[in-house]
Amino acid sequence: MRESKYFALLAAFALMLSVGAFAKDSNSGNFDLQQPAKIGSAVLQPGHYTAEWSGSNDAVKINILQHGKTVATAEGAVKQLPAKSPYTAVSMKDQPDNTKKVDEIDFNNRSEALVIHGGM
């Protein structure tokens, strides 16, 4: 009887650790745009957004949400950074039509970044 109590306690502890690990490795992150920019084929206005991604690291599907609704989709990749980013940063490239395109999103205190390839 005493052994089963310890086993149950150990099992509960292991479950809590595994749930915490899944929550920590979430495939999402928040970022802000300070100026209009393209992600995929959508032009996003300045504001607060959430990026969610799924797939393998070199081929992910990225959904950009604002207020819980998908506002843009793109394909991309997860890039491993040499160290955790000290802040969230959005890198952009100038386009021939004088617009900006989001190229990479680094997330605060995370060692992975999203590289945006194009629209879907």
PDB file of N, CA and C in Angstrom:
ATOM      1  N   MET A   1       0.823  -1.188   0.000  1.00  0.00           N
ATOM      2  CA  MET A   1       0.000   0.000   0.000  1.00  0.00           C
ATOM      3  C   MET A   1       0.871   1.257   0.000  1.00  0.00           C
ATOM      4  N   ARG A   2       1.896   1.234   0.818  1.00  0.00           N
ATOM      5  CA  ARG A   2       2.781   2.375   0.928  1.00  0.00           C
ATOM      6  C   ARG A   2       3.521   2.618  -0.383  1.00  0.00           C
ATOM      7  N   GLU A   3       3.914   1.535  -1.061  1.00  0.00           N
ATOM      8  CA  GLU A   3       4.607   1.667  -2.343  1.00  0.00           C
ATOM      9  C   GLU A   3       3.696   2.261  -3.400  1.00  0.00           C
ATOM     10  N   SER A   4       2.432   1.911  -3.383  1.00  0.00           N
ATOM     11  CA  SER A   4       1.513   2.454  -4.394  1.00  0.00           C
ATOM     12  C   SER A   4       1.305   3.957  -4.208  1.00  0.00           C
ATOM     13  N   LYS A   5       1.349   4.436  -2.962  1.00  0.00           N
ATOM     14  CA  LYS A   5       1.250   5.873  -2.724  1.00  0.00           C
ATOM     15  C   LYS A   5       2.443   6.590  -3.344  1.00  0.00           C
ATOM     16  N   TYR A   6       3.646   6.045  -3.140  1.00  0.00           N
ATOM     17  CA  TYR A   6       4.844   6.659  -3.701  1.00  0.00           C
ATOM     18  C   TYR A   6       4.816   6.605  -5.224  1.00  0.00           C
ATOM     19  N   PHE A   7       4.353   5.499  -5.764  1.00  0.00           N
ATOM     20  CA  PHE A   7       4.268   5.359  -7.211  1.00  0.00           C
ATOM     21  C   PHE A   7       3.284   6.387  -7.788  1.00  0.00           C
ATOM     22  N   ALA A   8       2.136   6.557  -7.151  1.00  0.00           N
ATOM     23  CA  ALA A   8       1.140   7.525  -7.617  1.00  0.00           C
ATOM     24  C   ALA A   8       1.695   8.940  -7.541  1.00  0.00           C
ATOM     25  N   LEU A   9       2.390   9.244  -6.458  1.00  0.00           N
ATOM     26  CA  LEU A   9       2.993  10.564  -6.310  1.00  0.00           C
ATOM     27  C   LEU A   9       4.050  10.815  -7.382  1.00  0.00           C
ATOM     28  N   LEU A  10       4.874   9.811  -7.655  1.00  0.00           N
ATOM     29  CA  LEU A  10       5.902   9.917  -8.679  1.00  0.00           C
ATOM     30  C   LEU A  10       5.274  10.087 -10.064  1.00  0.00           C
ATOM     31  N   ALA A  11       4.222   9.352 -10.337  1.00  0.00           N
ATOM     32  CA  ALA A  11       3.532   9.463 -11.626  1.00  0.00           C
ATOM     33  C   ALA A  11       2.922  10.852 -11.795  1.00  0.00           C
ATOM     34  N   ALA A  12       2.321  11.390 -10.747  1.00  0.00           N
ATOM     35  CA  ALA A  12       1.736  12.728 -10.817  1.00  0.00           C
ATOM     36  C   ALA A  12       2.819  13.776 -11.050  1.00  0.00           C
ATOM     37  N   PHE A  13       3.936  13.638 -10.394  1.00  0.00           N
ATOM     38  CA  PHE A  13       5.044  14.577 -10.569  1.00  0.00           C
ATOM     39  C   PHE A  13       5.578  14.517 -11.997  1.00  0.00           C
ATOM     40  N   ALA A  14       5.740  13.312 -12.531  1.00  0.00           N
ATOM     41  CA  ALA A  14       6.221  13.158 -13.907  1.00  0.00           C
ATOM     42  C   ALA A  14       5.245  13.776 -14.906  1.00  0.00           C
ATOM     43  N   LEU A  15       3.963  13.637 -14.672  1.00  0.00           N
ATOM     44  CA  LEU A  15       2.952  14.218 -15.544  1.00  0.00           C
ATOM     45  C   LEU A  15       3.023  15.743 -15.519  1.00  0.00           C
ATOM     46  N   MET A  16       3.197  16.319 -14.339  1.00  0.00           N
ATOM     47  CA  MET A  16       3.306  17.777 -14.235  1.00  0.00           C
ATOM     48  C   MET A  16       4.527  18.284 -14.991  1.00  0.00           C
ATOM     49  N   LEU A  17       5.641  17.574 -14.901  1.00  0.00           N
ATOM     50  CA  LEU A  17       6.844  17.981 -15.613  1.00  0.00           C
ATOM     51  C   LEU A  17       6.647  17.911 -17.120  1.00  0.00           C
ATOM     52  N   SER A  18       6.006  16.866 -17.614  1.00  0.00           N
ATOM     53  CA  SER A  18       5.814  16.729 -19.056  1.00  0.00           C
ATOM     54  C   SER A  18       4.843  17.775 -19.582  1.00  0.00           C
ATOM     55  N   VAL A  19       3.789  18.103 -18.845  1.00  0.00           N
ATOM     56  CA  VAL A  19       2.852  19.147 -19.270  1.00  0.00           C
ATOM     57  C   VAL A  19       3.560  20.486 -19.310  1.00  0.00           C
ATOM     58  N   GLY A  20       4.396  20.765 -18.344  1.00  0.00           N
ATOM     59  CA  GLY A  20       5.160  22.004 -18.332  1.00  0.00           C
ATOM     60  C   GLY A  20       6.122  22.092 -19.509  1.00  0.00           C
ATOM     61  N   ALA A  21       6.710  20.983 -19.892  1.00  0.00           N
ATOM     62  CA  ALA A  21       7.629  20.979 -21.028  1.00  0.00           C
ATOM     63  C   ALA A  21       6.893  21.290 -22.323  1.00  0.00           C
ATOM     64  N   PHE A  22       5.706  20.729 -22.501  1.00  0.00           N
ATOM     65  CA  PHE A  22       4.936  21.016 -23.712  1.00  0.00           C
ATOM     66  C   PHE A  22       4.514  22.475 -23.757  1.00  0.00           C
ATOM     67  N   ALA A  23       4.109  23.041 -22.654  1.00  0.00           N
ATOM     68  CA  ALA A  23       3.673  24.432 -22.623  1.00  0.00           C
ATOM     69  C   ALA A  23       4.842  25.365 -22.930  1.00  0.00           C
ATOM     70  N   LYS A  24       6.022  25.029 -22.475  1.00  0.00           N
ATOM     71  CA  LYS A  24       7.190  25.874 -22.670  1.00  0.00           C
ATOM     72  C   LYS A  24       7.642  25.881 -24.124  1.00  0.00           C
ATOM     73  N   ASP A  25       7.467  24.767 -24.832  1.00  0.00           N
ATOM     74  CA  ASP A  25       7.918  24.651 -26.210  1.00  0.00           C
ATOM     75  C   ASP A  25       6.815  25.030 -27.193  1.00  0.00           C
ATOM     76  N   SER A  26       5.979  25.954 -26.823  1.00  0.00           N
ATOM     77  CA  SER A  26       4.871  26.388 -27.658  1.00  0.00           C
ATOM     78  C   SER A  26       5.370  26.931 -28.988  1.00  0.00           C
ATOM     79  N   ASN A  27       4.667  26.593 -30.061  1.00  0.00           N
ATOM     80  CA  ASN A  27       5.018  27.077 -31.381  1.00  0.00           C
ATOM     81  C   ASN A  27       4.242  28.341 -31.690  1.00  0.00           C
ATOM     82  N   SER A  28       4.392  29.325 -30.842  1.00  0.00           N
ATOM     83  CA  SER A  28       3.763  30.616 -31.065  1.00  0.00           C
ATOM     84  C   SER A  28       4.561  31.698 -30.363  1.00  0.00           C
ATOM     85  N   GLY A  29       4.359  32.910 -30.817  1.00  0.00           N
ATOM     86  CA  GLY A  29       5.027  34.048 -30.209  1.00  0.00           C
ATOM     87  C   GLY A  29       4.354  35.336 -30.630  1.00  0.00           C
ATOM     88  N   ASN A  30       4.469  36.343 -29.796  1.00  0.00           N
ATOM     89  CA  ASN A  30       3.859  37.646 -30.065  1.00  0.00           C
ATOM     90  C   ASN A  30       4.900  38.612 -30.608  1.00  0.00           C
ATOM     91  N   PHE A  31       4.431  39.530 -31.461  1.00  0.00           N
ATOM     92  CA  PHE A  31       5.309  40.565 -31.994  1.00  0.00           C
ATOM     93  C   PHE A  31       4.473  41.783 -32.371  1.00  0.00           C
ATOM     94  N   ASP A  32       5.144  42.907 -32.538  1.00  0.00           N
ATOM     95  CA  ASP A  32       4.490  44.152 -32.933  1.00  0.00           C
ATOM     96  C   ASP A  32       5.090  44.645 -34.240  1.00  0.00           C
ATOM     97  N   LEU A  33       4.237  45.199 -35.089  1.00  0.00           N
ATOM     98  CA  LEU A  33       4.691  45.884 -36.296  1.00  0.00           C
ATOM     99  C   LEU A  33       4.568  47.381 -36.052  1.00  0.00           C
ATOM    100  N   GLN A  34       5.595  48.115 -36.401  1.00  0.00           N
ATOM    101  CA  GLN A  34       5.601  49.566 -36.227  1.00  0.00           C
ATOM    102  C   GLN A  34       5.196  50.293 -37.509  1.00  0.00           C
ATOM    103  N   GLN A  35       5.184  49.549 -38.639  1.00  0.00           N
ATOM    104  CA  GLN A  35       4.830  50.124 -39.928  1.00  0.00           C
ATOM    105  C   GLN A  35       4.183  49.040 -40.783  1.00  0.00           C
ATOM    106  N   PRO A  36       3.445  49.414 -41.825  1.00  0.00           N
ATOM    107  CA  PRO A  36       2.836  48.390 -42.681  1.00  0.00           C
ATOM    108  C   PRO A  36       3.896  47.476 -43.275  1.00  0.00           C
ATOM    109  N   ALA A  37       3.574  46.181 -43.375  1.00  0.00           N
ATOM    110  CA  ALA A  37       4.519  45.216 -43.930  1.00  0.00           C
ATOM    111  C   ALA A  37       3.771  44.002 -44.461  1.00  0.00           C
ATOM    112  N   LYS A  38       4.355  43.371 -45.484  1.00  0.00           N
ATOM    113  CA  LYS A  38       3.772  42.166 -46.068  1.00  0.00           C
ATOM    114  C   LYS A  38       4.244  40.936 -45.318  1.00  0.00           C
ATOM    115  N   ILE A  39       3.312  40.037 -45.091  1.00  0.00           N
ATOM    116  CA  ILE A  39       3.622  38.676 -44.665  1.00  0.00           C
ATOM    117  C   ILE A  39       2.792  37.796 -45.583  1.00  0.00           C
ATOM    118  N   GLY A  40       3.458  36.962 -46.358  1.00  0.00           N
ATOM    119  CA  GLY A  40       2.745  36.219 -47.384  1.00  0.00           C
ATOM    120  C   GLY A  40       2.228  37.216 -48.401  1.00  0.00           C
ATOM    121  N   SER A  41       0.959  37.103 -48.769  1.00  0.00           N
ATOM    122  CA  SER A  41       0.379  38.040 -49.735  1.00  0.00           C
ATOM    123  C   SER A  41      -0.410  39.153 -49.059  1.00  0.00           C
ATOM    124  N   ALA A  42      -0.469  39.153 -47.723  1.00  0.00           N
ATOM    125  CA  ALA A  42      -1.242  40.156 -46.984  1.00  0.00           C
ATOM    126  C   ALA A  42      -0.353  41.309 -46.539  1.00  0.00           C
ATOM    127  N   VAL A  43      -0.900  42.499 -46.582  1.00  0.00           N
ATOM    128  CA  VAL A  43      -0.223  43.681 -46.032  1.00  0.00           C
ATOM    129  C   VAL A  43      -0.846  43.942 -44.663  1.00  0.00           C
ATOM    130  N   LEU A  44      -0.028  43.856 -43.632  1.00  0.00           N
ATOM    131  CA  LEU A  44      -0.492  44.060 -42.265  1.00  0.00           C
ATOM    132  C   LEU A  44      -0.183  45.476 -41.816  1.00  0.00           C
ATOM    133  N   GLN A  45      -1.112  46.059 -41.116  1.00  0.00           N
ATOM    134  CA  GLN A  45      -0.953  47.415 -40.596  1.00  0.00           C
ATOM    135  C   GLN A  45      -0.238  47.359 -39.241  1.00  0.00           C
ATOM    136  N   PRO A  46       0.307  48.474 -38.785  1.00  0.00           N
ATOM    137  CA  PRO A  46       0.953  48.486 -37.471  1.00  0.00           C
ATOM    138  C   PRO A  46       0.001  47.959 -36.393  1.00  0.00           C
ATOM    139  N   GLY A  47       0.554  47.160 -35.482  1.00  0.00           N
ATOM    140  CA  GLY A  47      -0.253  46.606 -34.413  1.00  0.00           C
ATOM    141  C   GLY A  47       0.403  45.403 -33.768  1.00  0.00           C
ATOM    142  N   HIS A  48      -0.350  44.757 -32.897  1.00  0.00           N
ATOM    143  CA  HIS A  48       0.119  43.597 -32.132  1.00  0.00           C
ATOM    144  C   HIS A  48      -0.392  42.322 -32.795  1.00  0.00           C
ATOM    145  N   TYR A  49       0.490  41.343 -33.000  1.00  0.00           N
ATOM    146  CA  TYR A  49       0.150  40.106 -33.699  1.00  0.00           C
ATOM    147  C   TYR A  49       0.714  38.904 -32.951  1.00  0.00           C
ATOM    148  N   THR A  50       0.160  37.744 -33.271  1.00  0.00           N
ATOM    149  CA  THR A  50       0.669  36.466 -32.775  1.00  0.00           C
ATOM    150  C   THR A  50       1.011  35.600 -33.973  1.00  0.00           C
ATOM    151  N   ALA A  51       2.190  35.008 -33.968  1.00  0.00           N
ATOM    152  CA  ALA A  51       2.596  34.054 -34.992  1.00  0.00           C
ATOM    153  C   ALA A  51       2.455  32.655 -34.405  1.00  0.00           C
ATOM    154  N   GLU A  52       1.808  31.764 -35.138  1.00  0.00           N
ATOM    155  CA  GLU A  52       1.707  30.350 -34.769  1.00  0.00           C
ATOM    156  C   GLU A  52       2.232  29.543 -35.947  1.00  0.00           C
ATOM    157  N   TRP A  53       3.022  28.501 -35.647  1.00  0.00           N
ATOM    158  CA  TRP A  53       3.566  27.704 -36.725  1.00  0.00           C
ATOM    159  C   TRP A  53       3.514  26.229 -36.406  1.00  0.00           C
ATOM    160  N   SER A  54       3.484  25.431 -37.485  1.00  0.00           N
ATOM    161  CA  SER A  54       3.467  23.971 -37.351  1.00  0.00           C
ATOM    162  C   SER A  54       4.251  23.379 -38.511  1.00  0.00           C
ATOM    163  N   GLY A  55       4.773  22.188 -38.291  1.00  0.00           N
ATOM    164  CA  GLY A  55       5.555  21.493 -39.307  1.00  0.00           C
ATOM    165  C   GLY A  55       6.964  21.251 -38.818  1.00  0.00           C
ATOM    166  N   SER A  56       7.803  20.740 -39.721  1.00  0.00           N
ATOM    167  CA  SER A  56       9.197  20.493 -39.357  1.00  0.00           C
ATOM    168  C   SER A  56       9.964  21.810 -39.415  1.00  0.00           C
ATOM    169  N   ASN A  57      11.090  21.873 -38.749  1.00  0.00           N
ATOM    170  CA  ASN A  57      11.832  23.129 -38.606  1.00  0.00           C
ATOM    171  C   ASN A  57      12.188  23.791 -39.926  1.00  0.00           C
ATOM    172  N   ASP A  58      12.469  23.000 -40.974  1.00  0.00           N
ATOM    173  CA  ASP A  58      12.865  23.611 -42.242  1.00  0.00           C
ATOM    174  C   ASP A  58      11.684  23.866 -43.173  1.00  0.00           C
ATOM    175  N   ALA A  59      10.474  23.492 -42.783  1.00  0.00           N
ATOM    176  CA  ALA A  59       9.274  23.728 -43.601  1.00  0.00           C
ATOM    177  C   ALA A  59       8.072  23.873 -42.681  1.00  0.00           C
ATOM    178  N   VAL A  60       7.807  25.098 -42.242  1.00  0.00           N
ATOM    179  CA  VAL A  60       6.683  25.333 -41.344  1.00  0.00           C
ATOM    180  C   VAL A  60       5.606  26.158 -42.045  1.00  0.00           C
ATOM    181  N   LYS A  61       4.372  25.929 -41.640  1.00  0.00           N
ATOM    182  CA  LYS A  61       3.246  26.761 -42.067  1.00  0.00           C
ATOM    183  C   LYS A  61       3.038  27.777 -40.950  1.00  0.00           C
ATOM    184  N   ILE A  62       2.997  29.035 -41.321  1.00  0.00           N
ATOM    185  CA  ILE A  62       2.893  30.113 -40.346  1.00  0.00           C
ATOM    186  C   ILE A  62       1.547  30.801 -40.496  1.00  0.00           C
ATOM    187  N   ASN A  63       0.848  30.945 -39.396  1.00  0.00           N
ATOM    188  CA  ASN A  63      -0.390  31.707 -39.344  1.00  0.00           C
ATOM    189  C   ASN A  63      -0.133  32.941 -38.488  1.00  0.00           C
ATOM    190  N   ILE A  64      -0.527  34.091 -38.992  1.00  0.00           N
ATOM    191  CA  ILE A  64      -0.413  35.341 -38.242  1.00  0.00           C
ATOM    192  C   ILE A  64      -1.818  35.716 -37.793  1.00  0.00           C
ATOM    193  N   LEU A  65      -1.983  35.895 -36.486  1.00  0.00           N
ATOM    194  CA  LEU A  65      -3.291  36.211 -35.922  1.00  0.00           C
ATOM    195  C   LEU A  65      -3.292  37.591 -35.292  1.00  0.00           C
ATOM    196  N   GLN A  66      -4.460  38.222 -35.371  1.00  0.00           N
ATOM    197  CA  GLN A  66      -4.693  39.466 -34.648  1.00  0.00           C
ATOM    198  C   GLN A  66      -6.091  39.372 -34.057  1.00  0.00           C
ATOM    199  N   HIS A  67      -6.194  39.591 -32.763  1.00  0.00           N
ATOM    200  CA  HIS A  67      -7.470  39.458 -32.036  1.00  0.00           C
ATOM    201  C   HIS A  67      -8.077  38.071 -32.245  1.00  0.00           C
ATOM    202  N   GLY A  68      -7.220  37.027 -32.318  1.00  0.00           N
ATOM    203  CA  GLY A  68      -7.685  35.656 -32.432  1.00  0.00           C
ATOM    204  C   GLY A  68      -8.083  35.221 -33.829  1.00  0.00           C
ATOM    205  N   LYS A  69      -7.975  36.097 -34.822  1.00  0.00           N
ATOM    206  CA  LYS A  69      -8.347  35.759 -36.198  1.00  0.00           C
ATOM    207  C   LYS A  69      -7.112  35.739 -37.084  1.00  0.00           C
ATOM    208  N   THR A  70      -7.039  34.751 -37.991  1.00  0.00           N
ATOM    209  CA  THR A  70      -5.918  34.664 -38.916  1.00  0.00           C
ATOM    210  C   THR A  70      -6.014  35.789 -39.934  1.00  0.00           C
ATOM    211  N   VAL A  71      -4.956  36.577 -40.037  1.00  0.00           N
ATOM    212  CA  VAL A  71      -4.929  37.705 -40.967  1.00  0.00           C
ATOM    213  C   VAL A  71      -3.895  37.510 -42.081  1.00  0.00           C
ATOM    214  N   ALA A  72      -3.012  36.523 -41.938  1.00  0.00           N
ATOM    215  CA  ALA A  72      -2.013  36.234 -42.967  1.00  0.00           C
ATOM    216  C   ALA A  72      -1.492  34.824 -42.777  1.00  0.00           C
ATOM    217  N   THR A  73      -1.065  34.213 -43.868  1.00  0.00           N
ATOM    218  CA  THR A  73      -0.413  32.906 -43.821  1.00  0.00           C
ATOM    219  C   THR A  73       0.837  32.964 -44.692  1.00  0.00           C
ATOM    220  N   ALA A  74       1.803  32.168 -44.343  1.00  0.00           N
ATOM    221  CA  ALA A  74       3.049  32.119 -45.105  1.00  0.00           C
ATOM    222  C   ALA A  74       3.740  30.790 -44.825  1.00  0.00           C
ATOM    223  N   GLU A  75       4.729  30.506 -45.631  1.00  0.00           N
ATOM    224  CA  GLU A  75       5.604  29.373 -45.390  1.00  0.00           C
ATOM    225  C   GLU A  75       6.928  29.913 -44.870  1.00  0.00           C
ATOM    226  N   GLY A  76       7.629  29.087 -44.128  1.00  0.00           N
ATOM    227  CA  GLY A  76       8.896  29.547 -43.594  1.00  0.00           C
ATOM    228  C   GLY A  76       9.684  28.433 -42.964  1.00  0.00           C
ATOM    229  N   ALA A  77      10.578  28.821 -42.084  1.00  0.00           N
ATOM    230  CA  ALA A  77      11.449  27.874 -41.389  1.00  0.00           C
ATOM    231  C   ALA A  77      11.741  28.401 -39.997  1.00  0.00           C
ATOM    232  N   VAL A  78      12.092  27.483 -39.114  1.00  0.00           N
ATOM    233  CA  VAL A  78      12.535  27.856 -37.773  1.00  0.00           C
ATOM    234  C   VAL A  78      14.057  27.883 -37.804  1.00  0.00           C
ATOM    235  N   LYS A  79      14.611  28.997 -37.402  1.00  0.00           N
ATOM    236  CA  LYS A  79      16.063  29.193 -37.384  1.00  0.00           C
ATOM    237  C   LYS A  79      16.537  29.170 -35.939  1.00  0.00           C
ATOM    238  N   GLN A  80      17.556  28.375 -35.664  1.00  0.00           N
ATOM    239  CA  GLN A  80      18.136  28.329 -34.320  1.00  0.00           C
ATOM    240  C   GLN A  80      19.146  29.464 -34.176  1.00  0.00           C
ATOM    241  N   LEU A  81      18.967  30.267 -33.155  1.00  0.00           N
ATOM    242  CA  LEU A  81      19.876  31.379 -32.881  1.00  0.00           C
ATOM    243  C   LEU A  81      21.025  30.897 -31.996  1.00  0.00           C
ATOM    244  N   PRO A  82      22.177  31.538 -32.070  1.00  0.00           N
ATOM    245  CA  PRO A  82      23.306  31.116 -31.228  1.00  0.00           C
ATOM    246  C   PRO A  82      23.061  31.336 -29.739  1.00  0.00           C
ATOM    247  N   ALA A  83      22.168  32.268 -29.408  1.00  0.00           N
ATOM    248  CA  ALA A  83      21.817  32.551 -28.010  1.00  0.00           C
ATOM    249  C   ALA A  83      20.377  33.051 -27.989  1.00  0.00           C
ATOM    250  N   LYS A  84      19.781  33.061 -26.813  1.00  0.00           N
ATOM    251  CA  LYS A  84      18.417  33.572 -26.685  1.00  0.00           C
ATOM    252  C   LYS A  84      18.380  35.054 -27.056  1.00  0.00           C
ATOM    253  N   SER A  85      17.346  35.412 -27.789  1.00  0.00           N
ATOM    254  CA  SER A  85      17.178  36.810 -28.175  1.00  0.00           C
ATOM    255  C   SER A  85      16.825  37.634 -26.936  1.00  0.00           C
ATOM    256  N   PRO A  86      17.467  38.787 -26.735  1.00  0.00           N
ATOM    257  CA  PRO A  86      17.170  39.604 -25.552  1.00  0.00           C
ATOM    258  C   PRO A  86      15.858  40.382 -25.677  1.00  0.00           C
ATOM    259  N   TYR A  87      15.258  40.382 -26.861  1.00  0.00           N
ATOM    260  CA  TYR A  87      14.006  41.107 -27.087  1.00  0.00           C
ATOM    261  C   TYR A  87      13.343  40.570 -28.360  1.00  0.00           C
ATOM    262  N   THR A  88      12.110  40.944 -28.596  1.00  0.00           N
ATOM    263  CA  THR A  88      11.419  40.583 -29.827  1.00  0.00           C
ATOM    264  C   THR A  88      11.809  41.582 -30.901  1.00  0.00           C
ATOM    265  N   ALA A  89      12.184  41.075 -32.071  1.00  0.00           N
ATOM    266  CA  ALA A  89      12.596  41.943 -33.170  1.00  0.00           C
ATOM    267  C   ALA A  89      12.016  41.417 -34.480  1.00  0.00           C
ATOM    268  N   VAL A  90      11.577  42.333 -35.333  1.00  0.00           N
ATOM    269  CA  VAL A  90      11.048  41.996 -36.644  1.00  0.00           C
ATOM    270  C   VAL A  90      11.993  42.591 -37.688  1.00  0.00           C
ATOM    271  N   SER A  91      12.606  41.721 -38.500  1.00  0.00           N
ATOM    272  CA  SER A  91      13.488  42.176 -39.580  1.00  0.00           C
ATOM    273  C   SER A  91      12.691  42.236 -40.867  1.00  0.00           C
ATOM    274  N   MET A  92      12.882  43.324 -41.621  1.00  0.00           N
ATOM    275  CA  MET A  92      12.140  43.515 -42.868  1.00  0.00           C
ATOM    276  C   MET A  92      13.089  43.771 -44.026  1.00  0.00           C
ATOM    277  N   LYS A  93      12.589  43.474 -45.231  1.00  0.00           N
ATOM    278  CA  LYS A  93      13.331  43.766 -46.458  1.00  0.00           C
ATOM    279  C   LYS A  93      12.485  44.682 -47.318  1.00  0.00           C
ATOM    280  N   ASP A  94      13.172  45.602 -48.017  1.00  0.00           N
ATOM    281  CA  ASP A  94      12.492  46.470 -48.972  1.00  0.00           C
ATOM    282  C   ASP A  94      12.137  45.659 -50.214  1.00  0.00           C
ATOM    283  N   GLN A  95      10.952  45.909 -50.757  1.00  0.00           N
ATOM    284  CA  GLN A  95      10.475  45.241 -51.961  1.00  0.00           C
ATOM    285  C   GLN A  95      10.542  46.209 -53.145  1.00  0.00           C
ATOM    286  N   PRO A  96      10.571  45.678 -54.367  1.00  0.00           N
ATOM    287  CA  PRO A  96      10.632  46.541 -55.554  1.00  0.00           C
ATOM    288  C   PRO A  96       9.469  47.537 -55.652  1.00  0.00           C
ATOM    289  N   ASP A  97       8.312  47.199 -55.060  1.00  0.00           N
ATOM    290  CA  ASP A  97       7.153  48.100 -55.124  1.00  0.00           C
ATOM    291  C   ASP A  97       7.132  49.098 -53.957  1.00  0.00           C
ATOM    292  N   ASN A  98       8.289  49.299 -53.319  1.00  0.00           N
ATOM    293  CA  ASN A  98       8.466  50.245 -52.210  1.00  0.00           C
ATOM    294  C   ASN A  98       7.704  49.864 -50.939  1.00  0.00           C
ATOM    295  N   THR A  99       7.335  48.615 -50.807  1.00  0.00           N
ATOM    296  CA  THR A  99       6.725  48.137 -49.563  1.00  0.00           C
ATOM    297  C   THR A  99       7.795  47.403 -48.769  1.00  0.00           C
ATOM    298  N   LYS A 100       7.446  47.039 -47.552  1.00  0.00           N
ATOM    299  CA  LYS A 100       8.331  46.243 -46.690  1.00  0.00           C
ATOM    300  C   LYS A 100       7.753  44.835 -46.590  1.00  0.00           C
ATOM    301  N   LYS A 101       8.636  43.851 -46.489  1.00  0.00           N
ATOM    302  CA  LYS A 101       8.236  42.462 -46.300  1.00  0.00           C
ATOM    303  C   LYS A 101       8.911  41.943 -45.036  1.00  0.00           C
ATOM    304  N   VAL A 102       8.136  41.301 -44.153  1.00  0.00           N
ATOM    305  CA  VAL A 102       8.721  40.707 -42.955  1.00  0.00           C
ATOM    306  C   VAL A 102       9.582  39.530 -43.383  1.00  0.00           C
ATOM    307  N   ASP A 103      10.829  39.549 -42.978  1.00  0.00           N
ATOM    308  CA  ASP A 103      11.795  38.527 -43.347  1.00  0.00           C
ATOM    309  C   ASP A 103      12.048  37.548 -42.199  1.00  0.00           C
ATOM    310  N   GLU A 104      12.120  38.072 -40.970  1.00  0.00           N
ATOM    311  CA  GLU A 104      12.431  37.231 -39.809  1.00  0.00           C
ATOM    312  C   GLU A 104      11.822  37.841 -38.557  1.00  0.00           C
ATOM    313  N   ILE A 105      11.376  36.964 -37.654  1.00  0.00           N
ATOM    314  CA  ILE A 105      10.870  37.403 -36.359  1.00  0.00           C
ATOM    315  C   ILE A 105      11.646  36.665 -35.274  1.00  0.00           C
ATOM    316  N   ASP A 106      12.347  37.421 -34.438  1.00  0.00           N
ATOM    317  CA  ASP A 106      13.039  36.877 -33.265  1.00  0.00           C
ATOM    318  C   ASP A 106      12.160  37.156 -32.057  1.00  0.00           C
ATOM    319  N   PHE A 107      11.992  36.167 -31.197  1.00  0.00           N
ATOM    320  CA  PHE A 107      11.107  36.303 -30.048  1.00  0.00           C
ATOM    321  C   PHE A 107      11.900  36.459 -28.761  1.00  0.00           C
ATOM    322  N   ASN A 108      11.430  37.336 -27.889  1.00  0.00           N
ATOM    323  CA  ASN A 108      12.076  37.617 -26.617  1.00  0.00           C
ATOM    324  C   ASN A 108      12.364  36.345 -25.825  1.00  0.00           C
ATOM    325  N   ASN A 109      13.610  36.226 -25.385  1.00  0.00           N
ATOM    326  CA  ASN A 109      14.050  35.151 -24.497  1.00  0.00           C
ATOM    327  C   ASN A 109      13.892  33.761 -25.112  1.00  0.00           C
ATOM    328  N   ARG A 110      13.959  33.666 -26.452  1.00  0.00           N
ATOM    329  CA  ARG A 110      13.877  32.367 -27.128  1.00  0.00           C
ATOM    330  C   ARG A 110      15.054  32.223 -28.076  1.00  0.00           C
ATOM    331  N   SER A 111      15.502  30.987 -28.241  1.00  0.00           N
ATOM    332  CA  SER A 111      16.659  30.732 -29.091  1.00  0.00           C
ATOM    333  C   SER A 111      16.268  30.316 -30.493  1.00  0.00           C
ATOM    334  N   GLU A 112      14.983  30.454 -30.865  1.00  0.00           N
ATOM    335  CA  GLU A 112      14.584  30.180 -32.224  1.00  0.00           C
ATOM    336  C   GLU A 112      13.875  31.412 -32.802  1.00  0.00           C
ATOM    337  N   ALA A 113      14.010  31.559 -34.113  1.00  0.00           N
ATOM    338  CA  ALA A 113      13.391  32.667 -34.833  1.00  0.00           C
ATOM    339  C   ALA A 113      12.625  32.081 -36.008  1.00  0.00           C
ATOM    340  N   LEU A 114      11.634  32.829 -36.497  1.00  0.00           N
ATOM    341  CA  LEU A 114      10.898  32.439 -37.687  1.00  0.00           C
ATOM    342  C   LEU A 114      11.461  33.170 -38.886  1.00  0.00           C
ATOM    343  N   VAL A 115      11.773  32.443 -39.937  1.00  0.00           N
ATOM    344  CA  VAL A 115      12.182  33.032 -41.208  1.00  0.00           C
ATOM    345  C   VAL A 115      10.996  32.860 -42.140  1.00  0.00           C
ATOM    346  N   ILE A 116      10.495  33.972 -42.693  1.00  0.00           N
ATOM    347  CA  ILE A 116       9.326  33.958 -43.557  1.00  0.00           C
ATOM    348  C   ILE A 116       9.788  33.831 -45.006  1.00  0.00           C
ATOM    349  N   HIS A 117       9.261  32.819 -45.725  1.00  0.00           N
ATOM    350  CA  HIS A 117       9.637  32.621 -47.128  1.00  0.00           C
ATOM    351  C   HIS A 117       8.685  33.291 -48.101  1.00  0.00           C
ATOM    352  N   GLY A 118       7.398  33.182 -47.891  1.00  0.00           N
ATOM    353  CA  GLY A 118       6.488  33.753 -48.871  1.00  0.00           C
ATOM    354  C   GLY A 118       5.046  33.453 -48.539  1.00  0.00           C
ATOM    355  N   GLY A 119       4.164  33.725 -49.477  1.00  0.00           N
ATOM    356  CA  GLY A 119       2.721  33.544 -49.279  1.00  0.00           C
ATOM    357  C   GLY A 119       2.265  32.145 -49.569  1.00  0.00           C
ATOM    358  N   MET A 120       1.012  31.895 -49.189  1.00  0.00           N
ATOM    359  CA  MET A 120       0.399  30.600 -49.451  1.00  0.00           C
ATOM    360  C   MET A 120      -0.839  30.804 -50.278  1.00  0.00           C
TER     361      MET A 120
END
